[in-house]
Structure formats: C-alpha cells, structure tokens
Amino acid sequence: MLHAVIRTDNDAFHFFGEVSGYNVQTLQQHVRHTVREAGAVRLQFKIDPEDQEVFRASTARWLSQLASDGTVVEVAVRPH
C-alpha cells in the first residue's frame, strides 16, 4: 500500500492506493503538474515493506531527478 503526500505552500494532496504501474504513473503526472504550477514542492511517501522493490523500480528515475532539482523527497517504509 502507498500513501503519498504532495505538499505546496498552499495545499496538500493525499493519495492512497496500491503500488502499481498505473498508480505510480498517475502520481508522477500529478507531481510534475504541481511542480510546474507551485514551484516548491515536498513529497512524502509511506509504503509497505513488501512494496519496496516495485516502488523503487517504478519511481527511481523521476524521483531522483526531482530530488536533484531541489524537491524534498522523503520515502519511509511502514513497520508491520
């Protein structure tokens, strides 16, 4: 399971869902739009331990690029 929070200075968007290709792609598109519109964005992700590999594989390229560009990205694995 995935809980993502996209925060700007004026808003916070919460996304809850399974870690799947479709959900991660949808989330990526929303993040890109938010970064274009708001500028400063903080991303927080909480994932279940069994979803770590799929999440990492699905997000590695675009999350690392966002972090390189100055976006704060936090990923936490929930304990069982």
Protein backbone atom coordinates (compact mmCIF):
# COMPACT_ATOMS: atom_id res chain seq x y z
CA MET A 1 0.00 0.00 0.00
CA LEU A 2 1.12 3.52 -0.76
CA HIS A 3 0.33 6.80 0.99
CA ALA A 4 1.73 9.80 -0.85
CA VAL A 5 1.50 13.43 0.21
CA ILE A 6 2.30 16.24 -2.20
CA ARG A 7 2.69 19.49 -0.27
CA THR A 8 2.99 23.02 -1.53
CA ASP A 9 2.93 26.26 0.45
CA ASN A 10 -0.84 26.44 0.00
CA ASP A 11 -2.12 22.89 -0.29
CA ALA A 12 -1.62 19.21 0.42
CA PHE A 13 -2.79 16.38 -1.82
CA HIS A 14 -3.05 12.89 -0.29
CA PHE A 15 -3.02 9.77 -2.45
CA PHE A 16 -3.80 6.30 -1.11
CA GLY A 17 -3.55 3.22 -3.30
CA GLU A 18 -1.79 0.06 -4.29
CA VAL A 19 1.77 0.29 -5.61
CA SER A 20 1.10 -0.41 -9.28
CA GLY A 21 2.40 0.92 -12.56
CA TYR A 22 -0.82 2.82 -13.23
CA ASN A 23 -0.97 4.44 -9.79
CA VAL A 24 2.69 5.43 -9.83
CA GLN A 25 2.38 6.91 -13.34
CA THR A 26 -0.73 8.86 -12.33
CA LEU A 27 1.07 10.14 -9.25
CA GLN A 28 4.11 11.11 -11.35
CA GLN A 29 1.93 13.17 -13.69
CA HIS A 30 0.26 14.94 -10.77
CA VAL A 31 3.65 15.70 -9.19
CA ARG A 32 5.02 17.12 -12.45
CA HIS A 33 1.96 19.35 -12.85
CA THR A 34 2.21 20.52 -9.24
CA VAL A 35 5.92 21.32 -9.58
CA ARG A 36 5.22 23.37 -12.74
CA GLU A 37 2.37 25.26 -11.05
CA ALA A 38 3.61 25.68 -7.48
CA GLY A 39 7.39 25.59 -7.71
CA ALA A 40 8.37 24.49 -4.20
CA VAL A 41 7.01 21.01 -3.52
CA ARG A 42 7.63 18.49 -0.74
CA LEU A 43 6.89 14.81 -1.41
CA GLN A 44 6.35 12.23 1.30
CA PHE A 45 5.79 8.55 0.57
CA LYS A 46 4.93 5.79 3.01
CA ILE A 47 4.98 2.26 1.63
CA ASP A 48 4.59 -1.24 2.99
CA PRO A 49 7.78 -3.34 3.21
CA GLU A 50 6.62 -5.80 0.56
CA ASP A 51 6.15 -2.94 -1.95
CA GLN A 52 9.68 -1.52 -1.66
CA GLU A 53 11.14 -3.13 -4.77
CA VAL A 54 8.20 -2.32 -7.04
CA PHE A 55 8.05 1.26 -5.74
CA ARG A 56 11.80 1.76 -6.16
CA ALA A 57 11.76 0.35 -9.70
CA SER A 58 8.73 2.45 -10.68
CA THR A 59 9.98 5.74 -9.25
CA ALA A 60 13.78 5.63 -9.30
CA ARG A 61 14.36 7.79 -12.35
CA TRP A 62 11.80 10.53 -11.80
CA LEU A 63 12.13 10.81 -8.00
CA SER A 64 15.89 11.09 -8.18
CA GLN A 65 15.54 13.76 -10.88
CA LEU A 66 13.10 15.75 -8.74
CA ALA A 67 15.44 15.49 -5.75
CA SER A 68 18.36 16.66 -7.92
CA ASP A 69 16.26 19.64 -8.99
CA GLY A 70 15.66 20.65 -5.35
CA THR A 71 12.36 18.99 -4.47
CA VAL A 72 12.31 17.49 -0.98
CA VAL A 73 11.56 13.76 -1.33
CA GLU A 74 11.03 11.52 1.70
CA VAL A 75 10.33 7.80 1.45
CA ALA A 76 9.50 5.78 4.56
CA VAL A 77 8.74 2.10 4.90
CA ARG A 78 5.95 1.39 7.36
CA PRO A 79 6.73 -1.15 10.03
CA HIS A 80 4.34 -4.07 10.32
